[in-house]
Amino acid sequence: MIGEICLSKYSERAVELFMEGKNCSQAVFVAFATDLGLSEEMALSVSVGLGGGVGRMREVCGAVSGAAMVVGLKYPELSKGEVYEKVQLIADEFKKTNHSIVCKELLGLTQPENSSIPEARTSEYYKKRPCVKIVEDAVKAAEKVLFSEVN
């Protein structure tokens, strides 16, 4: 439970991982991956490069990228087109609560910080970054598209 918001087991785990210092992509992907048969260590490893809007370049949000990776893990039998459709549905769902899927736009940056070094996770970091909510929103979007009976 964060504030007054009741979180699902996936969003609760994703928020926990993010608060432990994992990046946005790792937090979202790992939250689902362990239930879908991938070890936490492997999930952390394969998703690390997508954090910070892919390698901290502030492009496509790492949380959205992590959610997109869940599609292939949950549905390995789908065609590329079917995977793309589900990823687009996740992005559309995410955009219902966020104005973009682009990291720098979500963070209100006009340009990337031009550094590969992540910021230290301090209380000031969490105050100025909306990333915890973004991680939660990406998980909720993935849950709605991938786990609800009606998409």
Protein backbone atom coordinates (compact mmCIF):
# COMPACT_ATOMS: atom_id res chain seq x y z
CA MET A 1 0.00 0.00 0.00
CA ILE A 2 1.43 3.38 -1.06
CA GLY A 3 -0.48 6.26 0.49
CA GLU A 4 -4.15 5.50 0.00
CA ILE A 5 -3.64 3.52 -3.19
CA CYS A 6 -4.16 -0.23 -3.06
CA LEU A 7 -1.60 -1.89 -5.28
CA SER A 8 -1.74 -5.28 -6.97
CA LYS A 9 0.98 -7.79 -6.20
CA TYR A 10 2.73 -6.80 -9.43
CA SER A 11 2.63 -3.06 -8.86
CA GLU A 12 3.56 -3.54 -5.21
CA ARG A 13 6.60 -5.59 -6.21
CA ALA A 14 7.56 -3.15 -8.98
CA VAL A 15 7.43 -0.17 -6.62
CA GLU A 16 9.44 -2.13 -4.05
CA LEU A 17 12.11 -2.97 -6.65
CA PHE A 18 12.30 0.62 -7.84
CA MET A 19 12.64 1.91 -4.29
CA GLU A 20 15.47 -0.62 -3.76
CA GLY A 21 17.39 1.06 -6.58
CA LYS A 22 16.43 -1.02 -9.61
CA ASN A 23 15.70 1.02 -12.73
CA CYS A 24 12.21 1.53 -14.12
CA SER A 25 12.47 -1.20 -16.75
CA GLN A 26 13.87 -3.72 -14.29
CA ALA A 27 11.18 -2.93 -11.73
CA VAL A 28 8.31 -3.53 -14.14
CA PHE A 29 9.76 -6.53 -15.97
CA VAL A 30 10.95 -8.37 -12.86
CA ALA A 31 7.61 -7.89 -11.11
CA PHE A 32 5.98 -10.10 -13.77
CA ALA A 33 8.91 -12.21 -14.98
CA THR A 34 9.33 -14.36 -11.89
CA ASP A 35 5.69 -15.52 -12.13
CA LEU A 36 6.23 -16.22 -15.83
CA GLY A 37 9.18 -18.56 -15.29
CA LEU A 38 12.23 -16.30 -15.57
CA SER A 39 14.59 -16.00 -12.62
CA GLU A 40 14.86 -12.62 -10.95
CA GLU A 41 18.58 -12.49 -11.71
CA MET A 42 18.05 -13.11 -15.43
CA ALA A 43 15.12 -10.68 -15.59
CA LEU A 44 17.23 -7.98 -13.92
CA SER A 45 20.06 -8.64 -16.36
CA VAL A 46 18.05 -8.58 -19.59
CA SER A 47 16.05 -5.47 -18.68
CA VAL A 48 18.80 -3.24 -17.24
CA GLY A 49 19.72 -1.56 -20.54
CA LEU A 50 16.22 -0.25 -21.09
CA GLY A 51 16.17 1.92 -17.95
CA GLY A 52 16.19 5.69 -18.14
CA GLY A 53 14.47 5.68 -21.50
CA VAL A 54 16.90 3.13 -23.01
CA GLY A 55 20.40 3.51 -21.64
CA ARG A 56 19.45 6.75 -19.87
CA MET A 57 19.02 8.47 -23.25
CA ARG A 58 15.50 9.51 -22.17
CA GLU A 59 13.75 8.00 -25.18
CA VAL A 60 10.94 5.40 -24.74
CA CYS A 61 10.17 5.11 -21.02
CA GLY A 62 11.91 2.13 -19.44
CA ALA A 63 8.79 1.23 -17.47
CA VAL A 64 6.83 0.97 -20.74
CA SER A 65 9.69 -0.99 -22.31
CA GLY A 66 9.67 -3.37 -19.33
CA ALA A 67 5.92 -3.87 -19.77
CA ALA A 68 6.43 -4.53 -23.49
CA MET A 69 8.95 -7.26 -22.67
CA VAL A 70 6.35 -8.98 -20.52
CA VAL A 71 4.19 -9.59 -23.62
CA GLY A 72 6.76 -11.87 -25.25
CA LEU A 73 7.43 -13.69 -22.02
CA LYS A 74 3.74 -14.30 -21.32
CA TYR A 75 2.81 -15.14 -24.92
CA PRO A 76 5.81 -16.73 -26.70
CA GLU A 77 3.48 -18.28 -29.28
CA LEU A 78 2.17 -14.95 -30.62
CA SER A 79 3.22 -13.60 -33.99
CA LYS A 80 5.17 -10.35 -34.17
CA GLY A 81 2.03 -8.55 -35.25
CA GLU A 82 0.05 -9.91 -32.30
CA VAL A 83 2.83 -8.89 -29.90
CA TYR A 84 2.97 -5.41 -31.44
CA GLU A 85 -0.80 -5.09 -31.04
CA LYS A 86 -0.61 -5.93 -27.32
CA VAL A 87 2.33 -3.56 -26.82
CA GLN A 88 0.37 -0.78 -28.52
CA LEU A 89 -2.60 -1.51 -26.26
CA ILE A 90 -0.32 -1.27 -23.21
CA ALA A 91 1.04 2.07 -24.48
CA ASP A 92 -2.49 3.36 -25.11
CA GLU A 93 -3.54 2.32 -21.62
CA PHE A 94 -0.44 3.95 -20.11
CA LYS A 95 -1.22 7.18 -21.98
CA LYS A 96 -4.61 7.37 -20.26
CA THR A 97 -2.77 8.47 -17.11
CA ASN A 98 0.42 9.91 -18.65
CA HIS A 99 0.83 12.38 -21.49
CA SER A 100 3.55 10.43 -23.28
CA ILE A 101 5.60 7.23 -23.36
CA VAL A 102 8.83 9.22 -23.87
CA CYS A 103 11.00 9.42 -20.77
CA LYS A 104 12.25 13.01 -21.19
CA GLU A 105 8.68 14.22 -21.77
CA LEU A 106 7.43 12.36 -18.70
CA LEU A 107 10.24 13.93 -16.66
CA GLY A 108 9.68 17.40 -18.10
CA LEU A 109 13.15 17.57 -19.64
CA THR A 110 13.88 19.51 -22.81
CA GLN A 111 16.92 17.35 -23.52
CA PRO A 112 18.66 14.32 -22.04
CA GLU A 113 21.17 14.91 -19.26
CA ASN A 114 23.97 13.57 -21.50
CA SER A 115 25.28 11.23 -18.85
CA SER A 116 25.21 7.48 -18.48
CA ILE A 117 25.61 7.81 -14.70
CA PRO A 118 22.32 7.34 -12.84
CA GLU A 119 21.48 9.79 -10.10
CA ALA A 120 21.85 8.68 -6.50
CA ARG A 121 18.55 7.52 -5.03
CA THR A 122 18.04 10.06 -2.26
CA SER A 123 14.88 11.49 -0.75
CA GLU A 124 15.38 14.52 -3.04
CA TYR A 125 15.53 12.23 -6.07
CA TYR A 126 12.18 10.65 -5.19
CA LYS A 127 10.61 14.08 -4.56
CA LYS A 128 11.53 15.44 -8.00
CA ARG A 129 10.96 12.31 -10.10
CA PRO A 130 7.51 10.92 -10.94
CA CYS A 131 9.07 7.52 -11.70
CA VAL A 132 7.41 5.58 -8.87
CA LYS A 133 3.98 6.50 -10.23
CA ILE A 134 5.14 5.85 -13.79
CA VAL A 135 6.33 2.36 -12.81
CA GLU A 136 2.98 1.72 -11.14
CA ASP A 137 1.07 3.02 -14.19
CA ALA A 138 3.07 0.80 -16.56
CA VAL A 139 2.30 -2.25 -14.41
CA LYS A 140 -1.39 -1.38 -14.29
CA ALA A 141 -1.47 -0.94 -18.08
CA ALA A 142 0.22 -4.32 -18.60
CA GLU A 143 -2.12 -6.01 -16.12
CA LYS A 144 -5.18 -4.59 -17.83
CA VAL A 145 -4.07 -5.68 -21.29
CA LEU A 146 -2.47 -9.01 -20.41
CA PHE A 147 -4.40 -10.31 -17.44
CA SER A 148 -7.94 -8.95 -17.62
CA GLU A 149 -10.70 -10.96 -19.23
CA VAL A 150 -11.80 -8.02 -21.39
CA ASN A 151 -9.14 -5.83 -23.04
